[in-house]
Amino acid sequence: DVIEPFSAGIEKHDLNPLAVKVMAEAGVDISK
């Protein structure tokens, strides 16, 4: 509601599926 976050890389890699899994377990969806 107060911060507009962005993320980027110096280079491009695939999204780590373990990051998606761990975040989902914590209730945060980054699957998109």
All heavy atoms as atom14 arrays in JSON, in Angstrom:
{
  "sequence": "DVIEPFSAGIEKHDLNPLAVKVMAEAGVDISK",
  "atom14_mask": [
    [1, 1, 1, 1, 1, 1, 1, 1, 0, 0, 0, 0, 0, 0],
    [1, 1, 1, 1, 1, 1, 1, 0, 0, 0, 0, 0, 0, 0],
    [1, 1, 1, 1, 1, 1, 1, 1, 0, 0, 0, 0, 0, 0],
    [1, 1, 1, 1, 1, 1, 1, 1, 1, 0, 0, 0, 0, 0],
    [1, 1, 1, 1, 1, 1, 1, 0, 0, 0, 0, 0, 0, 0],
    [1, 1, 1, 1, 1, 1, 1, 1, 1, 1, 1, 0, 0, 0],
    [1, 1, 1, 1, 1, 1, 0, 0, 0, 0, 0, 0, 0, 0],
    [1, 1, 1, 1, 1, 0, 0, 0, 0, 0, 0, 0, 0, 0],
    [1, 1, 1, 1, 0, 0, 0, 0, 0, 0, 0, 0, 0, 0],
    [1, 1, 1, 1, 1, 1, 1, 1, 0, 0, 0, 0, 0, 0],
    [1, 1, 1, 1, 1, 1, 1, 1, 1, 0, 0, 0, 0, 0],
    [1, 1, 1, 1, 1, 1, 1, 1, 1, 0, 0, 0, 0, 0],
    [1, 1, 1, 1, 1, 1, 1, 1, 1, 1, 0, 0, 0, 0],
    [1, 1, 1, 1, 1, 1, 1, 1, 0, 0, 0, 0, 0, 0],
    [1, 1, 1, 1, 1, 1, 1, 1, 0, 0, 0, 0, 0, 0],
    [1, 1, 1, 1, 1, 1, 1, 1, 0, 0, 0, 0, 0, 0],
    [1, 1, 1, 1, 1, 1, 1, 0, 0, 0, 0, 0, 0, 0],
    [1, 1, 1, 1, 1, 1, 1, 1, 0, 0, 0, 0, 0, 0],
    [1, 1, 1, 1, 1, 0, 0, 0, 0, 0, 0, 0, 0, 0],
    [1, 1, 1, 1, 1, 1, 1, 0, 0, 0, 0, 0, 0, 0],
    [1, 1, 1, 1, 1, 1, 1, 1, 1, 0, 0, 0, 0, 0],
    [1, 1, 1, 1, 1, 1, 1, 0, 0, 0, 0, 0, 0, 0],
    [1, 1, 1, 1, 1, 1, 1, 1, 0, 0, 0, 0, 0, 0],
    [1, 1, 1, 1, 1, 0, 0, 0, 0, 0, 0, 0, 0, 0],
    [1, 1, 1, 1, 1, 1, 1, 1, 1, 0, 0, 0, 0, 0],
    [1, 1, 1, 1, 1, 0, 0, 0, 0, 0, 0, 0, 0, 0],
    [1, 1, 1, 1, 0, 0, 0, 0, 0, 0, 0, 0, 0, 0],
    [1, 1, 1, 1, 1, 1, 1, 0, 0, 0, 0, 0, 0, 0],
    [1, 1, 1, 1, 1, 1, 1, 1, 0, 0, 0, 0, 0, 0],
    [1, 1, 1, 1, 1, 1, 1, 1, 0, 0, 0, 0, 0, 0],
    [1, 1, 1, 1, 1, 1, 0, 0, 0, 0, 0, 0, 0, 0],
    [1, 1, 1, 1, 1, 1, 1, 1, 1, 0, 0, 0, 0, 0]
  ],
  "atom14_positions": [
    [[0.81, -1.21, 0.0], [0.0, 0.0, 0.0], [0.85, 1.27, 0.0], [0.36, 2.34, -0.37], [-0.95, 0.0, 1.2], [-0.24, -0.14, 2.53], [0.86, -0.73, 2.57], [-0.78, 0.35, 3.54], [0.0, 0.0, 0.0], [0.0, 0.0, 0.0], [0.0, 0.0, 0.0], [0.0, 0.0, 0.0], [0.0, 0.0, 0.0], [0.0, 0.0, 0.0]],
    [[2.12, 1.17, 0.38], [2.97, 2.37, 0.43], [4.26, 2.23, -0.39], [4.92, 3.22, -0.66], [3.35, 2.74, 1.9], [2.14, 3.21, 2.65], [4.03, 1.6, 2.61], [0.0, 0.0, 0.0], [0.0, 0.0, 0.0], [0.0, 0.0, 0.0], [0.0, 0.0, 0.0], [0.0, 0.0, 0.0], [0.0, 0.0, 0.0], [0.0, 0.0, 0.0]],
    [[4.62, 1.01, -0.76], [5.84, 0.78, -1.55], [5.47, 0.04, -2.82], [4.76, -0.97, -2.79], [6.88, -0.04, -0.76], [7.3, 0.7, 0.51], [8.1, -0.34, -1.63], [8.22, -0.1, 1.43], [0.0, 0.0, 0.0], [0.0, 0.0, 0.0], [0.0, 0.0, 0.0], [0.0, 0.0, 0.0], [0.0, 0.0, 0.0], [0.0, 0.0, 0.0]],
    [[5.96, 0.53, -3.95], [5.79, -0.16, -5.22], [7.11, -0.89, -5.52], [8.08, -0.28, -5.94], [5.47, 0.84, -6.33], [5.08, 0.2, -7.63], [4.67, 1.21, -8.69], [4.7, 2.43, -8.42], [4.34, 0.77, -9.8], [0.0, 0.0, 0.0], [0.0, 0.0, 0.0], [0.0, 0.0, 0.0], [0.0, 0.0, 0.0], [0.0, 0.0, 0.0]],
    [[7.15, -2.21, -5.23], [8.4, -2.94, -5.4], [8.59, -3.51, -6.81], [7.62, -3.86, -7.49], [8.27, -4.08, -4.38], [6.81, -4.36, -4.36], [6.13, -3.03, -4.6], [0.0, 0.0, 0.0], [0.0, 0.0, 0.0], [0.0, 0.0, 0.0], [0.0, 0.0, 0.0], [0.0, 0.0, 0.0], [0.0, 0.0, 0.0], [0.0, 0.0, 0.0]],
    [[9.84, -3.57, -7.21], [10.23, -4.17, -8.49], [11.45, -5.04, -8.21], [12.17, -4.83, -7.23], [10.63, -3.08, -9.5], [9.51, -2.16, -9.86], [9.24, -1.04, -9.09], [8.72, -2.41, -10.96], [8.21, -0.18, -9.41], [7.67, -1.55, -11.29], [7.43, -0.43, -10.51], [0.0, 0.0, 0.0], [0.0, 0.0, 0.0], [0.0, 0.0, 0.0]],
    [[11.71, -6.0, -9.07], [12.94, -6.77, -8.98], [13.48, -6.97, -10.39], [12.73, -7.03, -11.35], [12.72, -8.12, -8.29], [11.89, -8.96, -9.05], [0.0, 0.0, 0.0], [0.0, 0.0, 0.0], [0.0, 0.0, 0.0], [0.0, 0.0, 0.0], [0.0, 0.0, 0.0], [0.0, 0.0, 0.0], [0.0, 0.0, 0.0], [0.0, 0.0, 0.0]],
    [[14.8, -7.07, -10.45], [15.48, -7.28, -11.74], [16.83, -7.9, -11.47], [17.29, -7.96, -10.33], [15.63, -5.97, -12.5], [0.0, 0.0, 0.0], [0.0, 0.0, 0.0], [0.0, 0.0, 0.0], [0.0, 0.0, 0.0], [0.0, 0.0, 0.0], [0.0, 0.0, 0.0], [0.0, 0.0, 0.0], [0.0, 0.0, 0.0], [0.0, 0.0, 0.0]],
    [[17.45, -8.35, -12.56], [18.77, -8.94, -12.45], [19.75, -8.27, -13.38], [19.36, -7.66, -14.38], [0.0, 0.0, 0.0], [0.0, 0.0, 0.0], [0.0, 0.0, 0.0], [0.0, 0.0, 0.0], [0.0, 0.0, 0.0], [0.0, 0.0, 0.0], [0.0, 0.0, 0.0], [0.0, 0.0, 0.0], [0.0, 0.0, 0.0], [0.0, 0.0, 0.0]],
    [[21.01, -8.39, -13.05], [22.07, -7.91, -13.94], [22.0, -8.73, -15.23], [22.25, -8.24, -16.32], [23.46, -8.07, -13.27], [23.53, -7.29, -11.96], [24.57, -7.68, -14.22], [23.39, -5.78, -12.09], [0.0, 0.0, 0.0], [0.0, 0.0, 0.0], [0.0, 0.0, 0.0], [0.0, 0.0, 0.0], [0.0, 0.0, 0.0], [0.0, 0.0, 0.0]],
    [[21.64, -10.0, -15.08], [21.38, -10.89, -16.21], [20.09, -11.64, -15.91], [19.54, -11.5, -14.83], [22.57, -11.85, -16.42], [22.95, -12.61, -15.17], [24.33, -13.23, -15.24], [25.29, -12.52, -15.53], [24.4, -14.44, -14.99], [0.0, 0.0, 0.0], [0.0, 0.0, 0.0], [0.0, 0.0, 0.0], [0.0, 0.0, 0.0], [0.0, 0.0, 0.0]],
    [[19.63, -12.41, -16.84], [18.34, -13.09, -16.71], [18.52, -14.59, -16.51], [19.19, -15.23, -17.29], [17.53, -12.82, -17.99], [16.11, -13.2, -17.93], [15.42, -12.7, -19.19], [13.99, -13.13, -19.22], [13.26, -12.51, -20.33], [0.0, 0.0, 0.0], [0.0, 0.0, 0.0], [0.0, 0.0, 0.0], [0.0, 0.0, 0.0], [0.0, 0.0, 0.0]],
    [[17.93, -15.12, -15.42], [17.9, -16.55, -15.16], [16.44, -16.95, -15.01], [15.56, -16.1, -14.93], [18.65, -16.9, -13.87], [20.11, -16.59, -13.92], [20.93, -16.74, -12.84], [20.92, -16.12, -14.91], [22.16, -16.39, -13.15], [22.18, -16.0, -14.39], [0.0, 0.0, 0.0], [0.0, 0.0, 0.0], [0.0, 0.0, 0.0], [0.0, 0.0, 0.0]],
    [[16.16, -18.23, -14.94], [14.78, -18.68, -14.7], [14.41, -18.46, -13.24], [15.25, -18.49, -12.35], [14.63, -20.16, -15.03], [14.71, -20.44, -16.52], [14.38, -19.52, -17.31], [15.12, -21.54, -16.9], [0.0, 0.0, 0.0], [0.0, 0.0, 0.0], [0.0, 0.0, 0.0], [0.0, 0.0, 0.0], [0.0, 0.0, 0.0], [0.0, 0.0, 0.0]],
    [[13.11, -18.25, -13.0], [12.6, -18.12, -11.63], [12.83, -19.46, -10.92], [12.52, -20.52, -11.43], [11.11, -17.79, -11.66], [10.42, -17.58, -10.32], [11.04, -16.44, -9.54], [8.94, -17.3, -10.55], [0.0, 0.0, 0.0], [0.0, 0.0, 0.0], [0.0, 0.0, 0.0], [0.0, 0.0, 0.0], [0.0, 0.0, 0.0], [0.0, 0.0, 0.0]],
    [[13.4, -19.4, -9.73], [13.72, -20.59, -8.96], [12.43, -21.2, -8.39], [11.74, -20.56, -7.61], [14.68, -20.23, -7.83], [15.19, -21.43, -7.08], [14.47, -22.37, -6.82], [16.46, -21.38, -6.71], [0.0, 0.0, 0.0], [0.0, 0.0, 0.0], [0.0, 0.0, 0.0], [0.0, 0.0, 0.0], [0.0, 0.0, 0.0], [0.0, 0.0, 0.0]],
    [[12.08, -22.44, -8.77], [10.85, -23.05, -8.29], [10.83, -23.24, -6.77], [9.76, -23.24, -6.16], [10.78, -24.39, -9.02], [12.12, -24.62, -9.61], [12.82, -23.31, -9.7], [0.0, 0.0, 0.0], [0.0, 0.0, 0.0], [0.0, 0.0, 0.0], [0.0, 0.0, 0.0], [0.0, 0.0, 0.0], [0.0, 0.0, 0.0], [0.0, 0.0, 0.0]],
    [[12.0, -23.39, -6.15], [12.04, -23.52, -4.69], [11.64, -22.2, -4.02], [11.02, -22.2, -2.96], [13.42, -23.98, -4.22], [13.8, -25.39, -4.63], [15.22, -25.72, -4.18], [12.82, -26.41, -4.08], [0.0, 0.0, 0.0], [0.0, 0.0, 0.0], [0.0, 0.0, 0.0], [0.0, 0.0, 0.0], [0.0, 0.0, 0.0], [0.0, 0.0, 0.0]],
    [[12.01, -21.07, -4.63], [11.6, -19.77, -4.09], [10.07, -19.64, -4.14], [9.45, -19.19, -3.18], [12.25, -18.64, -4.87], [0.0, 0.0, 0.0], [0.0, 0.0, 0.0], [0.0, 0.0, 0.0], [0.0, 0.0, 0.0], [0.0, 0.0, 0.0], [0.0, 0.0, 0.0], [0.0, 0.0, 0.0], [0.0, 0.0, 0.0], [0.0, 0.0, 0.0]],
    [[9.48, -20.06, -5.24], [8.03, -20.02, -5.38], [7.37, -20.9, -4.32], [6.41, -20.5, -3.66], [7.59, -20.47, -6.8], [6.08, -20.56, -6.92], [8.18, -19.54, -7.86], [0.0, 0.0, 0.0], [0.0, 0.0, 0.0], [0.0, 0.0, 0.0], [0.0, 0.0, 0.0], [0.0, 0.0, 0.0], [0.0, 0.0, 0.0], [0.0, 0.0, 0.0]],
    [[7.93, -22.09, -4.11], [7.38, -23.04, -3.14], [7.45, -22.49, -1.72], [6.48, -22.52, -0.97], [8.13, -24.37, -3.25], [7.64, -25.43, -2.29], [8.42, -26.73, -2.49], [7.8, -27.83, -1.65], [8.61, -28.27, -0.57], [0.0, 0.0, 0.0], [0.0, 0.0, 0.0], [0.0, 0.0, 0.0], [0.0, 0.0, 0.0], [0.0, 0.0, 0.0]],
    [[8.62, -22.0, -1.33], [8.81, -21.48, 0.03], [7.91, -20.27, 0.28], [7.31, -20.14, 1.35], [10.3, -21.13, 0.26], [10.49, -20.31, 1.52], [11.13, -22.4, 0.33], [0.0, 0.0, 0.0], [0.0, 0.0, 0.0], [0.0, 0.0, 0.0], [0.0, 0.0, 0.0], [0.0, 0.0, 0.0], [0.0, 0.0, 0.0], [0.0, 0.0, 0.0]],
    [[7.82, -19.4, -0.69], [6.97, -18.22, -0.53], [5.5, -18.63, -0.42], [4.75, -18.08, 0.4], [7.17, -17.25, -1.7], [8.54, -16.62, -1.73], [8.89, -15.53, -0.34], [7.95, -14.08, -0.83], [0.0, 0.0, 0.0], [0.0, 0.0, 0.0], [0.0, 0.0, 0.0], [0.0, 0.0, 0.0], [0.0, 0.0, 0.0], [0.0, 0.0, 0.0]],
    [[5.08, -19.62, -1.2], [3.69, -20.1, -1.12], [3.4, -20.68, 0.26], [2.32, -20.47, 0.82], [3.43, -21.14, -2.21], [0.0, 0.0, 0.0], [0.0, 0.0, 0.0], [0.0, 0.0, 0.0], [0.0, 0.0, 0.0], [0.0, 0.0, 0.0], [0.0, 0.0, 0.0], [0.0, 0.0, 0.0], [0.0, 0.0, 0.0], [0.0, 0.0, 0.0]],
    [[4.37, -21.41, 0.81], [4.2, -21.96, 2.16], [4.01, -20.86, 3.2], [3.34, -21.06, 4.21], [5.41, -22.83, 2.54], [5.48, -24.13, 1.77], [6.76, -24.91, 2.01], [7.63, -24.44, 2.8], [6.92, -25.98, 1.39], [0.0, 0.0, 0.0], [0.0, 0.0, 0.0], [0.0, 0.0, 0.0], [0.0, 0.0, 0.0], [0.0, 0.0, 0.0]],
    [[4.6, -19.69, 2.93], [4.47, -18.54, 3.85], [3.25, -17.68, 3.52], [3.0, -16.68, 4.18], [5.74, -17.7, 3.8], [0.0, 0.0, 0.0], [0.0, 0.0, 0.0], [0.0, 0.0, 0.0], [0.0, 0.0, 0.0], [0.0, 0.0, 0.0], [0.0, 0.0, 0.0], [0.0, 0.0, 0.0], [0.0, 0.0, 0.0], [0.0, 0.0, 0.0]],
    [[2.51, -18.06, 2.48], [1.3, -17.33, 2.12], [1.52, -16.18, 1.15], [0.67, -15.31, 1.01], [0.0, 0.0, 0.0], [0.0, 0.0, 0.0], [0.0, 0.0, 0.0], [0.0, 0.0, 0.0], [0.0, 0.0, 0.0], [0.0, 0.0, 0.0], [0.0, 0.0, 0.0], [0.0, 0.0, 0.0], [0.0, 0.0, 0.0], [0.0, 0.0, 0.0]],
    [[2.66, -16.17, 0.47], [2.97, -15.11, -0.5], [3.12, -15.76, -1.88], [3.98, -16.62, -2.08], [4.26, -14.35, -0.12], [4.55, -13.26, -1.13], [4.16, -13.78, 1.29], [0.0, 0.0, 0.0], [0.0, 0.0, 0.0], [0.0, 0.0, 0.0], [0.0, 0.0, 0.0], [0.0, 0.0, 0.0], [0.0, 0.0, 0.0], [0.0, 0.0, 0.0]],
    [[2.3, -15.34, -2.83], [2.3, -15.93, -4.16], [3.21, -15.14, -5.11], [2.92, -13.99, -5.43], [0.87, -15.95, -4.72], [0.77, -16.62, -6.07], [1.75, -17.25, -6.53], [-0.3, -16.49, -6.71], [0.0, 0.0, 0.0], [0.0, 0.0, 0.0], [0.0, 0.0, 0.0], [0.0, 0.0, 0.0], [0.0, 0.0, 0.0], [0.0, 0.0, 0.0]],
    [[4.3, -15.75, -5.53], [5.16, -15.14, -6.55], [5.17, -16.0, -7.82], [6.04, -15.83, -8.68], [6.6, -14.88, -6.04], [7.33, -16.18, -5.7], [6.6, -13.92, -4.86], [8.83, -16.01, -5.46], [0.0, 0.0, 0.0], [0.0, 0.0, 0.0], [0.0, 0.0, 0.0], [0.0, 0.0, 0.0], [0.0, 0.0, 0.0], [0.0, 0.0, 0.0]],
    [[4.2, -16.87, -7.96], [4.18, -17.81, -9.08], [4.04, -17.12, -10.44], [4.43, -17.69, -11.46], [3.06, -18.83, -8.9], [1.8, -18.19, -8.92], [0.0, 0.0, 0.0], [0.0, 0.0, 0.0], [0.0, 0.0, 0.0], [0.0, 0.0, 0.0], [0.0, 0.0, 0.0], [0.0, 0.0, 0.0], [0.0, 0.0, 0.0], [0.0, 0.0, 0.0]],
    [[3.54, -15.92, -10.46], [3.38, -15.18, -11.73], [4.61, -14.31, -12.03], [4.67, -13.68, -13.08], [2.13, -14.3, -11.69], [0.85, -15.05, -11.41], [0.27, -15.65, -12.65], [-1.13, -16.19, -12.42], [-1.18, -17.55, -11.98], [0.0, 0.0, 0.0], [0.0, 0.0, 0.0], [0.0, 0.0, 0.0], [0.0, 0.0, 0.0], [0.0, 0.0, 0.0]]
  ]
}
